[in-house]
Amino acid sequence: MIIVIWVLVAIYFSWFESSKFMGTPGKIIMKLKITDANGNRISFMAALLRFIAKMALNQIFYAGSLFILFNDNKQGLYDLLLNTYVIKVE
């Protein structure tokens, strides 16, 4: 059952982040989008790999997300690995 839930969560995040919305409902409300280096929508596979990397790297004291504090572009380690960005949309 746990595996099914993880697969559904991975599909949820990956689908929303690779969709025309370029982010989950929470990101849409906060006016944030997930993009590639050129500001384009990322693929489903890139979004899935981003999700997997984020979950794996954050298991160790949130290392993947804490990297945002030390990065000029405010990218998590998982974003750096996949060349993705979270941008603010006005």
N, C-alpha and C. Protein backbone atom coordinates (compact mmCIF):
# COMPACT_ATOMS: atom_id res chain seq x y z
N MET A 1 0.83 -1.20 0.00
CA MET A 1 0.00 0.00 0.00
C MET A 1 0.88 1.27 0.00
N ILE A 2 1.96 1.22 0.76
CA ILE A 2 2.85 2.39 0.83
C ILE A 2 3.45 2.68 -0.54
N ILE A 3 3.81 1.64 -1.26
CA ILE A 3 4.39 1.83 -2.60
C ILE A 3 3.38 2.48 -3.53
N VAL A 4 2.13 2.06 -3.45
CA VAL A 4 1.07 2.64 -4.28
C VAL A 4 0.92 4.12 -3.98
N ILE A 5 0.94 4.47 -2.71
CA ILE A 5 0.82 5.88 -2.31
C ILE A 5 1.99 6.69 -2.85
N TRP A 6 3.23 6.17 -2.71
CA TRP A 6 4.41 6.88 -3.22
C TRP A 6 4.33 7.07 -4.73
N VAL A 7 3.87 6.06 -5.44
CA VAL A 7 3.73 6.16 -6.90
C VAL A 7 2.70 7.24 -7.25
N LEU A 8 1.58 7.26 -6.55
CA LEU A 8 0.55 8.28 -6.80
C LEU A 8 1.06 9.69 -6.49
N VAL A 9 1.79 9.84 -5.41
CA VAL A 9 2.36 11.14 -5.05
C VAL A 9 3.37 11.58 -6.11
N ALA A 10 4.21 10.67 -6.57
CA ALA A 10 5.20 10.98 -7.61
C ALA A 10 4.50 11.41 -8.90
N ILE A 11 3.44 10.70 -9.27
CA ILE A 11 2.69 11.07 -10.48
C ILE A 11 2.04 12.43 -10.31
N TYR A 12 1.46 12.69 -9.16
CA TYR A 12 0.81 13.98 -8.87
C TYR A 12 1.79 15.14 -9.08
N PHE A 13 2.93 15.09 -8.40
CA PHE A 13 3.90 16.17 -8.50
C PHE A 13 4.48 16.27 -9.91
N SER A 14 4.81 15.15 -10.49
CA SER A 14 5.42 15.14 -11.83
C SER A 14 4.45 15.66 -12.88
N TRP A 15 3.20 15.25 -12.78
CA TRP A 15 2.22 15.71 -13.77
C TRP A 15 2.01 17.21 -13.66
N PHE A 16 1.77 17.72 -12.46
CA PHE A 16 1.53 19.16 -12.30
C PHE A 16 2.75 19.98 -12.72
N GLU A 17 3.95 19.56 -12.32
CA GLU A 17 5.14 20.34 -12.63
C GLU A 17 5.51 20.29 -14.11
N SER A 18 5.06 19.27 -14.82
CA SER A 18 5.34 19.19 -16.26
C SER A 18 4.14 19.64 -17.10
N SER A 19 3.06 20.02 -16.46
CA SER A 19 1.85 20.45 -17.18
C SER A 19 1.97 21.91 -17.61
N LYS A 20 0.94 22.40 -18.27
CA LYS A 20 0.91 23.80 -18.68
C LYS A 20 0.93 24.75 -17.48
N PHE A 21 0.56 24.24 -16.30
CA PHE A 21 0.57 25.06 -15.08
C PHE A 21 1.98 25.25 -14.54
N MET A 22 2.88 24.30 -14.85
CA MET A 22 4.29 24.34 -14.45
C MET A 22 4.46 24.38 -12.93
N GLY A 23 3.53 23.78 -12.21
CA GLY A 23 3.63 23.72 -10.76
C GLY A 23 2.37 23.14 -10.16
N THR A 24 2.48 22.74 -8.92
CA THR A 24 1.34 22.20 -8.18
C THR A 24 0.37 23.34 -7.83
N PRO A 25 -0.85 23.02 -7.39
CA PRO A 25 -1.77 24.09 -6.99
C PRO A 25 -1.18 25.05 -5.96
N GLY A 26 -0.39 24.55 -5.03
CA GLY A 26 0.26 25.42 -4.04
C GLY A 26 1.23 26.39 -4.69
N LYS A 27 2.00 25.92 -5.65
CA LYS A 27 2.93 26.79 -6.37
C LYS A 27 2.16 27.81 -7.21
N ILE A 28 1.05 27.39 -7.80
CA ILE A 28 0.23 28.32 -8.59
C ILE A 28 -0.28 29.45 -7.71
N ILE A 29 -0.78 29.11 -6.53
CA ILE A 29 -1.28 30.12 -5.60
C ILE A 29 -0.17 31.08 -5.18
N MET A 30 1.04 30.54 -4.99
CA MET A 30 2.18 31.36 -4.58
C MET A 30 2.87 32.05 -5.77
N LYS A 31 2.31 31.85 -6.96
CA LYS A 31 2.84 32.44 -8.20
C LYS A 31 4.28 31.99 -8.48
N LEU A 32 4.49 30.68 -8.34
CA LEU A 32 5.79 30.08 -8.62
C LEU A 32 5.63 29.09 -9.78
N LYS A 33 6.69 28.92 -10.56
CA LYS A 33 6.68 27.95 -11.64
C LYS A 33 8.01 27.20 -11.65
N ILE A 34 7.95 25.96 -12.11
CA ILE A 34 9.15 25.14 -12.30
C ILE A 34 9.51 25.24 -13.78
N THR A 35 10.75 25.63 -14.07
CA THR A 35 11.17 25.78 -15.46
C THR A 35 12.53 25.12 -15.69
N ASP A 36 12.90 25.01 -16.97
CA ASP A 36 14.26 24.59 -17.29
C ASP A 36 15.12 25.85 -17.35
N ALA A 37 16.35 25.73 -17.78
CA ALA A 37 17.28 26.87 -17.82
C ALA A 37 16.83 27.97 -18.76
N ASN A 38 16.00 27.63 -19.75
CA ASN A 38 15.53 28.62 -20.72
C ASN A 38 14.15 29.18 -20.38
N GLY A 39 13.61 28.79 -19.23
CA GLY A 39 12.29 29.27 -18.83
C GLY A 39 11.15 28.47 -19.42
N ASN A 40 11.46 27.34 -20.02
CA ASN A 40 10.44 26.49 -20.65
C ASN A 40 9.91 25.46 -19.66
N ARG A 41 8.78 24.89 -20.01
CA ARG A 41 8.17 23.83 -19.23
C ARG A 41 9.09 22.60 -19.24
N ILE A 42 9.18 21.92 -18.11
CA ILE A 42 10.01 20.72 -18.05
C ILE A 42 9.18 19.50 -18.46
N SER A 43 9.87 18.45 -18.87
CA SER A 43 9.20 17.22 -19.29
C SER A 43 8.71 16.44 -18.07
N PHE A 44 7.82 15.50 -18.32
CA PHE A 44 7.34 14.64 -17.24
C PHE A 44 8.50 13.87 -16.62
N MET A 45 9.41 13.38 -17.47
CA MET A 45 10.55 12.60 -16.96
C MET A 45 11.46 13.48 -16.09
N ALA A 46 11.69 14.72 -16.50
CA ALA A 46 12.50 15.65 -15.70
C ALA A 46 11.81 15.93 -14.36
N ALA A 47 10.50 16.10 -14.40
CA ALA A 47 9.74 16.35 -13.17
C ALA A 47 9.78 15.13 -12.26
N LEU A 48 9.69 13.93 -12.84
CA LEU A 48 9.75 12.71 -12.05
C LEU A 48 11.13 12.53 -11.42
N LEU A 49 12.17 12.77 -12.20
CA LEU A 49 13.53 12.68 -11.67
C LEU A 49 13.76 13.74 -10.59
N ARG A 50 13.20 14.93 -10.78
CA ARG A 50 13.31 16.00 -9.77
C ARG A 50 12.65 15.55 -8.46
N PHE A 51 11.47 14.95 -8.56
CA PHE A 51 10.76 14.47 -7.38
C PHE A 51 11.57 13.39 -6.66
N ILE A 52 12.08 12.43 -7.42
CA ILE A 52 12.86 11.33 -6.82
C ILE A 52 14.12 11.88 -6.16
N ALA A 53 14.82 12.78 -6.85
CA ALA A 53 16.04 13.37 -6.29
C ALA A 53 15.72 14.19 -5.04
N LYS A 54 14.64 14.92 -5.08
CA LYS A 54 14.25 15.74 -3.93
C LYS A 54 13.95 14.85 -2.71
N MET A 55 13.21 13.79 -2.93
CA MET A 55 12.88 12.89 -1.82
C MET A 55 14.14 12.20 -1.29
N ALA A 56 15.01 11.76 -2.17
CA ALA A 56 16.23 11.07 -1.74
C ALA A 56 17.18 12.01 -1.00
N LEU A 57 17.42 13.19 -1.57
CA LEU A 57 18.38 14.13 -0.96
C LEU A 57 17.87 14.74 0.34
N ASN A 58 16.56 14.86 0.47
CA ASN A 58 16.00 15.45 1.69
C ASN A 58 15.91 14.46 2.84
N GLN A 59 16.23 13.19 2.59
CA GLN A 59 16.25 12.20 3.66
C GLN A 59 17.43 12.43 4.60
N ILE A 60 18.45 13.12 4.13
CA ILE A 60 19.65 13.37 4.93
C ILE A 60 19.63 14.82 5.40
N PHE A 61 18.93 15.08 6.49
CA PHE A 61 18.86 16.41 7.09
C PHE A 61 18.44 17.49 6.09
N TYR A 62 17.55 17.16 5.19
CA TYR A 62 17.05 18.09 4.17
C TYR A 62 18.18 18.74 3.38
N ALA A 63 19.23 17.98 3.13
CA ALA A 63 20.41 18.49 2.41
C ALA A 63 20.04 19.06 1.05
N GLY A 64 19.13 18.42 0.34
CA GLY A 64 18.74 18.91 -0.98
C GLY A 64 18.12 20.28 -0.94
N SER A 65 17.28 20.53 0.05
CA SER A 65 16.61 21.83 0.16
C SER A 65 17.45 22.87 0.88
N LEU A 66 18.25 22.46 1.85
CA LEU A 66 19.10 23.42 2.56
C LEU A 66 20.11 24.09 1.64
N PHE A 67 20.43 23.43 0.56
CA PHE A 67 21.37 23.97 -0.41
C PHE A 67 20.87 25.30 -0.98
N ILE A 68 19.56 25.53 -0.94
CA ILE A 68 18.96 26.77 -1.42
C ILE A 68 19.55 27.98 -0.69
N LEU A 69 19.85 27.82 0.59
CA LEU A 69 20.39 28.91 1.39
C LEU A 69 21.77 29.37 0.93
N PHE A 70 22.50 28.49 0.27
CA PHE A 70 23.88 28.78 -0.09
C PHE A 70 24.09 28.95 -1.60
N ASN A 71 23.02 29.01 -2.35
CA ASN A 71 23.10 29.08 -3.80
C ASN A 71 22.56 30.42 -4.29
N ASP A 72 23.29 31.09 -5.16
CA ASP A 72 22.87 32.41 -5.66
C ASP A 72 21.54 32.37 -6.40
N ASN A 73 21.28 31.28 -7.12
CA ASN A 73 20.02 31.14 -7.87
C ASN A 73 18.90 30.52 -7.05
N LYS A 74 19.17 30.29 -5.77
CA LYS A 74 18.19 29.70 -4.86
C LYS A 74 17.67 28.35 -5.36
N GLN A 75 18.60 27.54 -5.89
CA GLN A 75 18.27 26.21 -6.37
C GLN A 75 18.60 25.18 -5.31
N GLY A 76 17.72 24.21 -5.15
CA GLY A 76 18.04 23.07 -4.32
C GLY A 76 19.05 22.20 -5.06
N LEU A 77 19.68 21.31 -4.34
CA LEU A 77 20.66 20.42 -4.96
C LEU A 77 20.02 19.61 -6.09
N TYR A 78 18.78 19.20 -5.90
CA TYR A 78 18.05 18.46 -6.93
C TYR A 78 17.81 19.33 -8.16
N ASP A 79 17.58 20.64 -7.98
CA ASP A 79 17.43 21.55 -9.12
C ASP A 79 18.74 21.72 -9.86
N LEU A 80 19.82 21.82 -9.13
CA LEU A 80 21.14 21.93 -9.77
C LEU A 80 21.44 20.68 -10.60
N LEU A 81 21.14 19.51 -10.05
CA LEU A 81 21.41 18.27 -10.76
C LEU A 81 20.61 18.16 -12.06
N LEU A 82 19.39 18.67 -12.05
CA LEU A 82 18.51 18.54 -13.22
C LEU A 82 18.38 19.82 -14.03
N ASN A 83 19.12 20.86 -13.63
CA ASN A 83 19.10 22.15 -14.32
C ASN A 83 17.68 22.72 -14.41
N THR A 84 16.98 22.71 -13.27
CA THR A 84 15.64 23.29 -13.19
C THR A 84 15.66 24.46 -12.22
N TYR A 85 14.65 25.30 -12.34
CA TYR A 85 14.55 26.50 -11.51
C TYR A 85 13.12 26.67 -11.03
N VAL A 86 12.96 27.26 -9.86
CA VAL A 86 11.66 27.70 -9.37
C VAL A 86 11.69 29.20 -9.48
N ILE A 87 10.78 29.74 -10.31
CA ILE A 87 10.78 31.18 -10.56
C ILE A 87 9.48 31.81 -10.05
N LYS A 88 9.55 33.08 -9.71
CA LYS A 88 8.39 33.85 -9.29
C LYS A 88 7.77 34.49 -10.52
N VAL A 89 6.46 34.35 -10.66
CA VAL A 89 5.74 34.91 -11.80
C VAL A 89 4.92 36.10 -11.31
N GLU A 90 5.06 37.19 -12.00
CA GLU A 90 4.30 38.40 -11.59
C GLU A 90 3.04 38.56 -12.38
